[in-house]
Structure formats: structure tokens, C-alpha cells
Amino acid sequence: MNIIIVGAGEIGRHIATSLSSAAHNIVVIESDEHIARDLDSQIDARVLHADGSSAQSLIEVNIAECDLFMALTSSNNVNFVACSIAKTLGATTTISRVDPDIQREEWLFDYKTQFGADFLFSSERLTAVELSKFIRNPDSILVEEIARGKIELQQVILSDRSEAVGKNLRDVDLPERVRVASIGRHDEAFIPTADEVLEAGDRVTLFGEPRKLNETVEMLQAGKGKEKPISIVILGGGDYGFSLAQLLESWNCRLRIFEVDDARCELLTNELSRTTVINADATSLTELKEESVGDADFFIATTHSDEDNVMTCLQASNLGTKHCLTLIHRVDYADAISQAGSQLGVLAAVSPREATRRELMRFITSEKCHTMKRLAAGQIIETTVPKGSKVAGNKISEIGWPPGSVLVAVMHGIHAKVPAAEDTLAEGDTVYAMVSSKAKKKFLKAIGH
């Protein structure tokens, strides 16, 4: 692929370094001469010291032949202008990094259409989603998100007290737009039909909107009783901590955020309705003790200082906090801390750079679909309904889906949902499906690839 990256900051440098060793034609445009020169000496790619939002600069790097254009600077304005010019000049796919505030406003304004960006993302939001996987739904043995975080995958073990035991899927009273995509039973895993009868101990893979999945999990886990709220303490009320709190507020949690900046505390108090904002320095052991952090279920450090994050997690762990999570900006440090987590009292270390890389890698493929995750029963794939596809304009129920496949989500623009029988597919829709190895090619052919 011909790939152009604008911006060689933390995110851009990591993406460029990851891709430079692969069989791609990479060009990086960086406005800071020192950063550009430093990167040029480290990676096998063309690095240009120029303004990435300049038409002249983009023409110089053959933007008309660009398969994937990524504007990854820390400036919304630069990224939007760069994407707009790149798309106009012929770039096939354009991606823009944005502040989390912009992503939260997507329902108010169509930034993508206005600025020619095919995909918007914030590294803060992606990191918050990654951190939240370790916190939410403790009864689930697996939690993942798809469709830009709007649809969630959960795996749960079916309780022998559940009313669903002994019923076929057709007769199980699932919430609207919740889908059972696979079942693991003994040493077997398979994609079920509507006639499959559920058994106690089944490992059930569910897809749905996160809140609705909670209802389903409670039903499948009947007999466990209502879980008490999880106590969560977040260190740092910056964009990472704020994004994480927003994701968690709708869940059964008791949230507290430590933030040392007075003005930021006021903003957090106004924007978060179910979170207690504490104006204090949580790197102080005295403050942690005064707020009884040792009694918390989770302590998550989200500041920009890796050292503060790690050391405060160690303090919280020593005080008795059950689980500690930390944000680590250096990928190699994150890997090292995750591997030594049990010894350090840290459950996991999440790197914003790596979370972003994993998200963007799905655009870097020449295949007709992207494999998002592999499970025992098959793969979760993402693909697009192409122009001229025979399924476009048809209802889900009218399409002959091959056995061993189940459609788990459809994304139209910025709106995503688990499809119902009466929903209609359109050209350009992004579809997500659970497919067995035998059904994958047939499913893609049914979509029109």
C-alpha cells in the first residue's frame, strides 16, 4: 500500500515505525525539522520536512496515488485541512486523529463529510475503551468492542439456574438487538442456529449495545444476586481519565477522580454527573489513605507521567486496592509492566500508542475484509457492502446468509446497531459478522465481494 502519514509525534512515530518494516511504501510529513531529521535516521521510509496541510506538499508526495492517508498531528485543524485536501486530490482512504471532544460531538455535526475524512478517532477514547475492558462486567470471561465502541462482545458462562437452560435460542427472551454469535460446550465451539438448545455451563458469546448486554448477562447468570457497585478510583482528570469516566458512568460503579488542577476539577464536576471529583494530589500517600483508596476495587492511573502512574499504582496496591491499571506511554515499558504485573500489583498496563496502532491496522490490508478477533468458533470480520452489491436495498431477512455465519453489527455512517430482520443494508455500510472458517468465503461472496 502507498501510505502517507502527517505528523511524527508519539502516535505518528509509532505507526510509521511499525509499518516501515512491512512491505509498504511509507511517506511521513513532519513540520518540525529536528523531529523529521531524527525520524529519517531511524526508519526505512521517506521523511519529508514540510507542512502536511499544504496542497503543494501533498502533491509532491504523489497524493493522487495514496491508498491510505493518516493525519496524526495533535492539532484538529491541521488534521482536518490535511484530510480535506488529500481526499480532494485523490487519496483513497483518509483518517484523522481528533480530540475526544470532537468525537463526542459527532452526533451534532458531520465532521467526516465536511472535511473528507473516512474515519475519525481519538487516542484518548481508544485508550479508555482498552482500560474499561478490564473493569466492566466482571462476570464476563471476555469483553471486547466493535463498531467504534458502539457494539460490545461479551462471553459469559450460562448458570444452571438461568431460565434460558433447556430452551432453544428462538425461545430465549433476549433483549432487543442482542445476538448470540457462538457457543462453547465442553471441547467444542460452534456458531449456533436458532434451534440450538442451551445447556448449563455453555460459554455464550453475545453481541449488543453495552447497556442491553448487562440485562442479558444478569439473565444468563441468574441466581448470583445483584452485584454491589464496583468502587473505582481514577488518577488524573485529563482527557484519558475524563474519557474513561464517561464510559463507566452508565455502569454499576462508584467513581472518584483525583485531579490536582482547580480549573480542570470545575470542568469535570460540570461534565460528569455520577463521578466524585477530588481536588488533591493522589501521588501523595497521605491523600490516598485519607480517601480510603485501599478499599477500592480498581485504581487506574491515567496521567501523562509514566513514573507517577506506576508508583501511585504500587502505593494503591500496597494499601489494599484489589486491582490496579496504569497508562504507560512508552510501548516497551507497557509490555514489561504487563508481564511483571503480578509481582508489581498491576493488573495491566495500556499504551495509547499501541491501542491506536491496533485500531488503525485494520485499514492496512489488501484483503476484502479485516479479521478483528479470532475465537474458538471462528472469526469476527469487518467488511463493507460494495457498490453494486445485490444485498444493498434488501432486508436482512431476505438475504441468504450461509450456515456458520451470523451478522452481529451494521454501521451506517456513525450509527451502529445489531441488525434486526427488518433492517435494510445499504451500499457503503460496514458490516461485522461471526464466521466459521468454512463460511468466511461464502459470507463475503453473499455481501458482494
Protein backbone atom coordinates (compact mmCIF):
# COMPACT_ATOMS: atom_id res chain seq x y z
CA MET A 1 0.00 0.00 0.00
CA ASN A 2 1.00 3.63 -0.56
CA ILE A 3 0.65 5.21 2.89
CA ILE A 4 1.17 8.85 3.83
CA ILE A 5 1.38 9.91 7.47
CA VAL A 6 1.18 13.55 8.55
CA GLY A 7 2.69 14.15 11.98
CA ALA A 8 5.58 12.34 13.65
CA GLY A 9 4.65 12.87 17.29
CA GLU A 10 4.13 9.99 19.72
CA ILE A 11 1.32 8.40 17.70
CA GLY A 12 2.64 9.13 14.21
CA ARG A 13 6.17 7.96 15.00
CA HIS A 14 4.90 4.69 16.47
CA ILE A 15 2.66 3.97 13.47
CA ALA A 16 5.41 4.86 10.99
CA THR A 17 7.97 2.71 12.81
CA SER A 18 5.56 -0.24 12.92
CA LEU A 19 4.78 -0.01 9.21
CA SER A 20 8.27 0.74 7.89
CA SER A 21 9.38 -2.86 8.33
CA ALA A 22 6.43 -4.18 6.29
CA ALA A 23 6.09 -4.23 2.51
CA HIS A 24 4.51 -0.79 2.21
CA ASN A 25 5.57 2.46 0.57
CA ILE A 26 5.61 4.88 3.53
CA VAL A 27 5.95 8.66 3.45
CA VAL A 28 5.96 10.74 6.65
CA ILE A 29 5.44 14.51 6.59
CA GLU A 30 6.58 16.40 9.70
CA SER A 31 6.63 20.18 10.18
CA ASP A 32 9.33 20.16 12.87
CA GLU A 33 12.72 19.93 11.17
CA HIS A 34 14.50 18.36 14.16
CA ILE A 35 11.84 15.66 14.60
CA ALA A 36 11.82 14.93 10.86
CA ARG A 37 15.59 14.59 10.72
CA ASP A 38 15.64 12.33 13.79
CA LEU A 39 12.92 10.04 12.40
CA ASP A 40 14.57 9.91 8.98
CA SER A 41 17.67 8.38 10.56
CA GLN A 42 15.65 5.69 12.36
CA ILE A 43 13.15 4.22 9.90
CA ASP A 44 13.15 2.83 6.37
CA ALA A 45 10.75 5.34 4.88
CA ARG A 46 10.76 8.71 3.16
CA VAL A 47 10.52 11.50 5.73
CA LEU A 48 9.72 14.98 4.45
CA HIS A 49 10.13 18.21 6.45
CA ALA A 50 7.05 20.11 5.26
CA ASP A 51 3.54 21.30 6.09
CA GLY A 52 1.22 18.30 5.81
CA SER A 53 -1.81 20.55 5.35
CA SER A 54 -0.29 22.17 2.24
CA ALA A 55 -1.55 21.11 -1.19
CA GLN A 56 1.91 21.61 -2.63
CA SER A 57 3.45 19.24 -0.05
CA LEU A 58 0.83 16.58 -0.72
CA ILE A 59 1.22 16.84 -4.49
CA GLU A 60 4.98 16.45 -4.02
CA VAL A 61 4.45 13.05 -2.35
CA ASN A 62 2.02 11.84 -5.08
CA ILE A 63 -1.16 12.13 -3.02
CA ALA A 64 -3.25 11.01 -6.02
CA GLU A 65 -1.70 7.54 -5.71
CA CYS A 66 -2.16 7.32 -1.93
CA ASP A 67 -4.14 4.30 -0.71
CA LEU A 68 -4.22 5.38 2.95
CA PHE A 69 -3.72 8.91 4.30
CA MET A 70 -3.41 9.38 8.07
CA ALA A 71 -3.35 12.84 9.65
CA LEU A 72 -1.97 12.15 13.13
CA THR A 73 -0.82 15.51 14.49
CA SER A 74 -2.10 16.86 17.81
CA SER A 75 -4.00 19.65 16.01
CA ASN A 76 -7.61 19.12 14.91
CA ASN A 77 -7.33 21.97 12.41
CA VAL A 78 -4.19 20.65 10.73
CA ASN A 79 -5.61 17.13 10.52
CA PHE A 80 -8.96 18.24 9.11
CA VAL A 81 -7.40 20.52 6.48
CA ALA A 82 -4.90 17.83 5.52
CA CYS A 83 -7.64 15.22 5.08
CA SER A 84 -9.82 17.60 3.09
CA ILE A 85 -7.02 18.42 0.64
CA ALA A 86 -5.86 14.80 0.45
CA LYS A 87 -9.34 13.49 -0.36
CA THR A 88 -9.90 16.21 -2.98
CA LEU A 89 -6.56 15.39 -4.61
CA GLY A 90 -7.37 11.69 -4.90
CA ALA A 91 -6.39 9.83 -1.69
CA THR A 92 -8.46 6.66 -1.42
CA THR A 93 -8.96 6.47 2.36
CA THR A 94 -8.37 9.32 4.80
CA ILE A 95 -8.10 9.10 8.59
CA SER A 96 -7.97 11.99 11.04
CA ARG A 97 -6.90 11.98 14.66
CA VAL A 98 -9.10 14.31 16.75
CA ASP A 99 -9.50 15.45 20.32
CA PRO A 100 -12.04 13.37 22.28
CA ASP A 101 -14.32 16.44 22.44
CA ILE A 102 -14.68 16.32 18.64
CA GLN A 103 -15.54 12.63 18.70
CA ARG A 104 -18.18 13.26 21.37
CA GLU A 105 -19.75 15.87 19.06
CA GLU A 106 -20.09 13.61 16.01
CA TRP A 107 -23.82 13.25 16.61
CA LEU A 108 -24.16 17.06 16.38
CA PHE A 109 -22.07 17.69 13.27
CA ASP A 110 -20.87 15.51 10.39
CA TYR A 111 -17.15 16.27 10.60
CA LYS A 112 -16.26 13.38 8.30
CA THR A 113 -18.30 14.61 5.35
CA GLN A 114 -17.33 18.24 5.92
CA PHE A 115 -13.59 17.53 5.95
CA GLY A 116 -13.31 14.49 3.68
CA ALA A 117 -12.27 12.11 6.44
CA ASP A 118 -13.36 8.49 6.15
CA PHE A 119 -12.61 7.75 9.81
CA LEU A 120 -12.11 9.85 12.94
CA PHE A 121 -10.52 8.61 16.13
CA SER A 122 -9.10 9.93 19.37
CA SER A 123 -6.25 8.05 21.01
CA GLU A 124 -7.71 9.04 24.38
CA ARG A 125 -11.02 7.38 23.59
CA LEU A 126 -9.35 4.22 22.26
CA THR A 127 -7.23 4.02 25.41
CA ALA A 128 -10.26 4.50 27.64
CA VAL A 129 -12.04 1.65 25.85
CA GLU A 130 -8.99 -0.57 26.32
CA LEU A 131 -8.80 0.22 30.06
CA SER A 132 -12.53 -0.29 30.53
CA LYS A 133 -12.30 -3.87 29.26
CA PHE A 134 -10.55 -4.84 32.49
CA ILE A 135 -13.21 -3.20 34.67
CA ARG A 136 -16.67 -3.61 33.28
CA ASN A 137 -18.80 -6.73 33.58
CA PRO A 138 -16.66 -8.78 35.96
CA ASP A 139 -18.82 -11.86 35.31
CA SER A 140 -17.71 -11.89 31.69
CA ILE A 141 -14.73 -14.01 30.74
CA LEU A 142 -14.12 -11.82 27.68
CA VAL A 143 -15.10 -8.23 26.86
CA GLU A 144 -14.30 -6.59 23.52
CA GLU A 145 -15.79 -3.74 21.50
CA ILE A 146 -16.50 -3.34 17.80
CA ALA A 147 -18.15 -0.74 15.56
CA ARG A 148 -16.16 2.14 17.14
CA GLY A 149 -17.18 1.06 20.64
CA LYS A 150 -20.91 1.19 19.99
CA ILE A 151 -21.35 -2.60 19.99
CA GLU A 152 -19.80 -4.90 22.54
CA LEU A 153 -18.86 -8.57 22.63
CA GLN A 154 -19.12 -10.46 25.92
CA GLN A 155 -18.60 -14.08 26.83
CA VAL A 156 -20.37 -15.49 29.88
CA ILE A 157 -20.90 -18.93 31.39
CA LEU A 158 -24.55 -20.00 31.46
CA SER A 159 -25.67 -20.61 35.04
CA ASP A 160 -27.60 -23.79 35.83
CA ARG A 161 -30.21 -21.53 37.48
CA SER A 162 -30.79 -19.47 34.36
CA GLU A 163 -34.24 -19.64 32.82
CA ALA A 164 -32.55 -19.98 29.44
CA VAL A 165 -31.28 -23.51 30.21
CA GLY A 166 -33.16 -26.12 28.20
CA LYS A 167 -34.58 -23.60 25.73
CA ASN A 168 -33.63 -23.17 22.10
CA LEU A 169 -32.32 -19.76 21.10
CA ARG A 170 -35.52 -18.96 19.24
CA ASP A 171 -37.47 -19.12 22.50
CA VAL A 172 -34.99 -17.36 24.81
CA ASP A 173 -36.30 -13.94 25.80
CA LEU A 174 -33.26 -11.86 24.83
CA PRO A 175 -33.40 -8.04 24.89
CA GLU A 176 -34.00 -6.42 21.51
CA ARG A 177 -30.92 -6.36 19.27
CA VAL A 178 -28.83 -8.75 21.34
CA ARG A 179 -27.32 -11.62 19.38
CA VAL A 180 -25.84 -14.97 20.43
CA ALA A 181 -22.97 -15.47 18.00
CA SER A 182 -21.27 -18.61 19.28
CA ILE A 183 -21.45 -21.28 21.96
CA GLY A 184 -18.62 -23.18 23.58
CA ARG A 185 -19.63 -26.54 25.03
CA HIS A 186 -17.14 -28.98 26.53
CA ASP A 187 -14.29 -29.07 23.99
CA GLU A 188 -16.42 -27.82 21.09
CA ALA A 189 -17.17 -24.29 19.89
CA PHE A 190 -19.69 -23.52 17.15
CA ILE A 191 -21.95 -20.88 15.61
CA PRO A 192 -25.49 -21.90 16.57
CA THR A 193 -28.75 -21.91 14.66
CA ALA A 194 -31.98 -20.63 16.18
CA ASP A 195 -32.89 -24.23 17.08
CA GLU A 196 -29.83 -24.80 19.29
CA VAL A 197 -30.80 -25.75 22.86
CA LEU A 198 -28.77 -24.05 25.60
CA GLU A 199 -27.15 -26.09 28.35
CA ALA A 200 -25.83 -25.18 31.79
CA GLY A 201 -22.12 -24.41 31.58
CA ASP A 202 -22.26 -23.21 27.98
CA ARG A 203 -19.78 -20.44 27.17
CA VAL A 204 -22.02 -17.99 25.34
CA THR A 205 -20.67 -15.19 23.11
CA LEU A 206 -23.02 -12.22 22.95
CA PHE A 207 -23.14 -9.08 20.84
CA GLY A 208 -25.17 -6.00 21.59
CA GLU A 209 -25.32 -2.42 22.79
CA PRO A 210 -23.39 -2.39 26.11
CA ARG A 211 -26.30 -1.48 28.39
CA LYS A 212 -28.55 -4.14 26.91
CA LEU A 213 -25.84 -6.75 27.31
CA ASN A 214 -25.90 -6.12 31.03
CA GLU A 215 -29.55 -7.25 31.14
CA THR A 216 -28.65 -10.39 29.21
CA VAL A 217 -25.70 -11.22 31.45
CA GLU A 218 -27.90 -10.87 34.55
CA MET A 219 -30.43 -13.24 32.99
CA LEU A 220 -27.81 -15.82 32.00
CA GLN A 221 -26.12 -15.51 35.41
CA ALA A 222 -29.40 -15.89 37.34
CA GLY A 223 -29.01 -16.83 40.97
CA LYS A 224 -25.88 -14.80 41.64
CA GLY A 225 -27.79 -11.89 43.07
CA LYS A 226 -27.34 -8.21 42.36
CA GLU A 227 -23.70 -7.19 42.38
CA LYS A 228 -22.79 -4.27 44.60
CA PRO A 229 -21.35 -1.22 42.82
CA ILE A 230 -17.69 -1.53 41.87
CA SER A 231 -15.54 1.10 43.56
CA ILE A 232 -13.23 2.77 41.03
CA VAL A 233 -10.63 5.46 41.63
CA ILE A 234 -9.07 7.30 38.66
CA LEU A 235 -5.83 9.23 38.98
CA GLY A 236 -5.82 12.19 36.61
CA GLY A 237 -8.74 14.12 35.16
CA GLY A 238 -7.13 14.88 31.81
CA ASP A 239 -8.53 13.62 28.51
CA TYR A 240 -7.69 9.99 29.31
CA GLY A 241 -9.28 9.99 32.77
CA PHE A 242 -12.26 12.04 31.59
CA SER A 243 -12.93 9.72 28.63
CA LEU A 244 -12.71 6.68 30.91
CA ALA A 245 -15.12 8.16 33.45
CA GLN A 246 -17.62 8.96 30.70
CA LEU A 247 -17.51 5.34 29.52
CA LEU A 248 -18.04 3.99 33.03
CA GLU A 249 -20.68 6.36 34.39
CA SER A 250 -23.58 4.37 32.99
CA TRP A 251 -22.38 1.18 34.72
CA ASN A 252 -22.84 -0.12 38.23
CA CYS A 253 -19.83 1.77 39.57
CA ARG A 254 -18.89 4.24 42.28
CA LEU A 255 -16.44 6.58 40.58
CA ARG A 256 -13.90 9.00 42.04
CA ILE A 257 -11.33 11.09 40.15
CA PHE A 258 -8.25 12.70 41.68
CA GLU A 259 -7.26 15.88 39.83
CA VAL A 260 -4.79 18.47 41.13
CA ASP A 261 -5.74 21.35 38.79
CA ASP A 262 -8.56 23.58 40.13
CA ALA A 263 -9.92 24.64 36.73
CA ARG A 264 -9.94 21.08 35.44
CA CYS A 265 -11.82 19.95 38.56
CA GLU A 266 -14.53 22.50 37.84
CA LEU A 267 -14.88 21.26 34.26
CA LEU A 268 -15.07 17.63 35.39
CA THR A 269 -17.68 18.47 38.02
CA ASN A 270 -19.84 20.17 35.38
CA GLU A 271 -19.47 17.41 32.76
CA LEU A 272 -19.67 14.25 34.90
CA SER A 273 -22.94 13.61 36.72
CA ARG A 274 -22.14 10.44 38.66
CA THR A 275 -18.46 10.93 39.50
CA THR A 276 -16.97 12.44 42.65
CA VAL A 277 -14.17 14.85 41.74
CA ILE A 278 -11.45 15.20 44.37
CA ASN A 279 -9.16 18.23 44.09
CA ALA A 280 -6.00 16.66 45.51
CA ASP A 281 -2.60 15.23 44.57
CA ALA A 282 -3.07 11.45 44.56
CA THR A 283 0.65 10.84 44.21
CA SER A 284 0.71 11.67 47.92
CA LEU A 285 0.38 8.60 50.11
CA THR A 286 -1.42 10.70 52.72
CA GLU A 287 -4.16 11.68 50.24
CA LEU A 288 -4.61 8.04 49.16
CA LYS A 289 -5.04 6.97 52.76
CA GLU A 290 -7.46 9.81 53.58
CA GLU A 291 -9.70 8.82 50.65
CA SER A 292 -9.56 5.09 51.61
CA VAL A 293 -8.17 4.12 48.21
CA GLY A 294 -7.14 0.78 49.70
CA ASP A 295 -10.82 -0.20 49.87
CA ALA A 296 -11.36 0.35 46.12
CA ASP A 297 -11.87 -2.47 43.66
CA PHE A 298 -9.91 -0.68 40.93
CA PHE A 299 -7.31 2.08 40.87
CA ILE A 300 -6.50 3.42 37.38
CA ALA A 301 -3.63 5.85 36.81
CA THR A 302 -4.11 7.99 33.66
CA THR A 303 -1.71 10.93 33.96
CA HIS A 304 0.89 11.87 31.34
CA SER A 305 3.72 10.78 33.65
CA ASP A 306 4.58 7.08 33.37
CA GLU A 307 6.59 7.30 36.59
CA ASP A 308 3.71 8.82 38.59
CA ASN A 309 1.30 6.27 37.15
CA VAL A 310 3.39 3.24 38.08
CA MET A 311 4.47 4.46 41.51
CA THR A 312 0.93 5.50 42.50
CA CYS A 313 -0.39 2.10 41.42
CA LEU A 314 2.23 0.46 43.65
CA GLN A 315 1.11 2.64 46.55
CA ALA A 316 -2.55 1.82 45.95
CA SER A 317 -1.76 -1.89 45.72
CA ASN A 318 0.18 -1.76 48.99
CA LEU A 319 -2.81 -0.04 50.64
CA GLY A 320 -5.05 -2.93 49.60
CA THR A 321 -6.69 -1.94 46.30
CA LYS A 322 -7.79 -5.16 44.60
CA HIS A 323 -6.76 -4.29 41.04
CA CYS A 324 -4.52 -1.56 39.61
CA LEU A 325 -4.37 -0.46 35.97
CA THR A 326 -1.95 2.04 34.55
CA LEU A 327 -1.49 4.11 31.43
CA ILE A 328 2.03 3.80 30.01
CA HIS A 329 3.02 5.97 27.07
CA ARG A 330 6.14 4.01 26.12
CA VAL A 331 5.12 0.74 24.48
CA ASP A 332 8.19 -1.20 25.63
CA TYR A 333 7.59 -0.13 29.23
CA ALA A 334 3.91 -1.15 28.96
CA ASP A 335 4.89 -4.64 27.79
CA ALA A 336 7.42 -5.03 30.60
CA ILE A 337 4.99 -3.91 33.29
CA SER A 338 2.20 -6.13 31.96
CA GLN A 339 4.50 -9.16 32.02
CA ALA A 340 5.60 -8.42 35.59
CA GLY A 341 2.14 -7.28 36.67
CA SER A 342 1.51 -9.86 39.38
CA GLN A 343 4.80 -9.00 41.08
CA LEU A 344 4.16 -5.25 40.89
CA GLY A 345 0.50 -5.39 41.86
CA VAL A 346 -0.55 -4.06 38.43
CA LEU A 347 -3.27 -5.95 36.57
CA ALA A 348 -2.43 -4.41 33.18
CA ALA A 349 -0.55 -1.55 31.53
CA VAL A 350 -2.15 0.06 28.48
CA SER A 351 -0.24 2.10 25.89
CA PRO A 352 -2.16 4.79 23.92
CA ARG A 353 0.26 4.33 21.03
CA GLU A 354 -0.35 0.59 20.85
CA ALA A 355 -4.13 0.94 21.27
CA THR A 356 -4.11 3.35 18.33
CA ARG A 357 -1.87 1.11 16.22
CA ARG A 358 -4.21 -1.86 16.68
CA GLU A 359 -7.20 0.25 15.64
CA LEU A 360 -5.52 1.64 12.52
CA MET A 361 -4.07 -1.68 11.39
CA ARG A 362 -7.47 -2.79 10.16
CA PHE A 363 -7.21 -0.19 7.37
CA ILE A 364 -3.84 -1.56 6.27
CA THR A 365 -4.87 -4.57 4.26
CA SER A 366 -5.41 -5.54 0.67
CA GLU A 367 -7.94 -8.20 1.62
CA LYS A 368 -11.69 -7.88 1.21
CA CYS A 369 -12.23 -7.98 4.96
CA HIS A 370 -10.43 -7.35 8.21
CA THR A 371 -10.24 -10.04 10.89
CA MET A 372 -10.94 -8.23 14.14
CA LYS A 373 -10.65 -11.18 16.51
CA ARG A 374 -10.27 -14.94 16.38
CA LEU A 375 -12.38 -17.06 18.71
CA ALA A 376 -12.70 -20.81 19.10
CA ALA A 377 -15.82 -20.91 16.91
CA GLY A 378 -14.45 -18.71 14.14
CA GLN A 379 -13.51 -15.13 13.30
CA ILE A 380 -15.12 -11.76 13.83
CA ILE A 381 -14.67 -10.00 10.50
CA GLU A 382 -15.34 -6.47 9.28
CA THR A 383 -16.15 -5.63 5.67
CA THR A 384 -18.05 -3.08 3.59
CA VAL A 385 -21.07 -3.52 1.35
CA PRO A 386 -19.53 -2.63 -2.07
CA LYS A 387 -21.13 -0.57 -4.80
CA GLY A 388 -23.42 -2.67 -6.97
CA SER A 389 -23.84 -5.35 -4.30
CA LYS A 390 -27.02 -7.40 -4.69
CA VAL A 391 -27.67 -7.23 -0.94
CA ALA A 392 -27.92 -3.42 -0.97
CA GLY A 393 -31.52 -2.39 -0.52
CA ASN A 394 -32.55 -5.80 0.82
CA LYS A 395 -33.81 -6.61 4.29
CA ILE A 396 -31.59 -8.76 6.50
CA SER A 397 -34.23 -11.49 6.49
CA GLU A 398 -34.27 -11.59 2.67
CA ILE A 399 -30.54 -12.31 2.29
CA GLY A 400 -29.36 -15.91 2.05
CA TRP A 401 -26.66 -15.97 4.73
CA PRO A 402 -24.50 -19.11 4.62
CA PRO A 403 -24.61 -21.61 7.52
CA GLY A 404 -21.85 -20.95 10.02
CA SER A 405 -22.21 -17.18 9.82
CA VAL A 406 -24.12 -14.62 11.83
CA LEU A 407 -24.35 -10.88 11.24
CA VAL A 408 -23.59 -9.18 14.58
CA ALA A 409 -23.45 -5.46 13.73
CA VAL A 410 -24.06 -2.97 10.94
CA MET A 411 -22.62 0.53 10.89
CA HIS A 412 -24.24 3.18 8.69
CA GLY A 413 -22.26 6.43 8.91
CA ILE A 414 -21.62 6.96 12.62
CA HIS A 415 -24.63 4.90 13.72
CA ALA A 416 -24.15 1.25 14.67
CA LYS A 417 -26.59 -1.43 15.78
CA VAL A 418 -27.11 -5.14 15.97
CA PRO A 419 -29.34 -5.71 12.93
CA ALA A 420 -32.91 -6.88 13.14
CA ALA A 421 -34.71 -8.94 10.47
CA GLU A 422 -36.47 -5.89 9.01
CA ASP A 423 -33.36 -3.69 8.77
CA THR A 424 -32.05 -2.90 5.27
CA LEU A 425 -28.43 -2.90 4.12
CA ALA A 426 -27.06 -0.05 2.00
CA GLU A 427 -24.01 0.43 -0.17
CA GLY A 428 -21.09 1.59 1.95
CA ASP A 429 -22.42 0.08 5.18
CA THR A 430 -19.77 -1.52 7.37
CA VAL A 431 -20.86 -4.99 8.46
CA TYR A 432 -19.46 -7.18 11.22
CA ALA A 433 -20.01 -10.91 11.28
CA MET A 434 -19.03 -14.02 13.19
CA VAL A 435 -18.00 -16.62 10.61
CA SER A 436 -16.59 -20.12 10.76
CA SER A 437 -13.54 -20.90 8.63
CA LYS A 438 -15.74 -22.72 6.12
CA ALA A 439 -18.31 -19.94 5.90
CA LYS A 440 -15.96 -16.96 5.51
CA LYS A 441 -15.62 -17.02 1.69
CA LYS A 442 -19.33 -17.72 1.24
CA PHE A 443 -20.25 -14.82 3.52
CA LEU A 444 -18.01 -12.40 1.61
CA LYS A 445 -19.50 -13.62 -1.66
CA ALA A 446 -23.01 -13.05 -0.28
CA ILE A 447 -22.04 -9.45 0.61
CA GLY A 448 -20.80 -8.91 -2.94
CA HIS A 449 -17.02 -9.36 -2.75
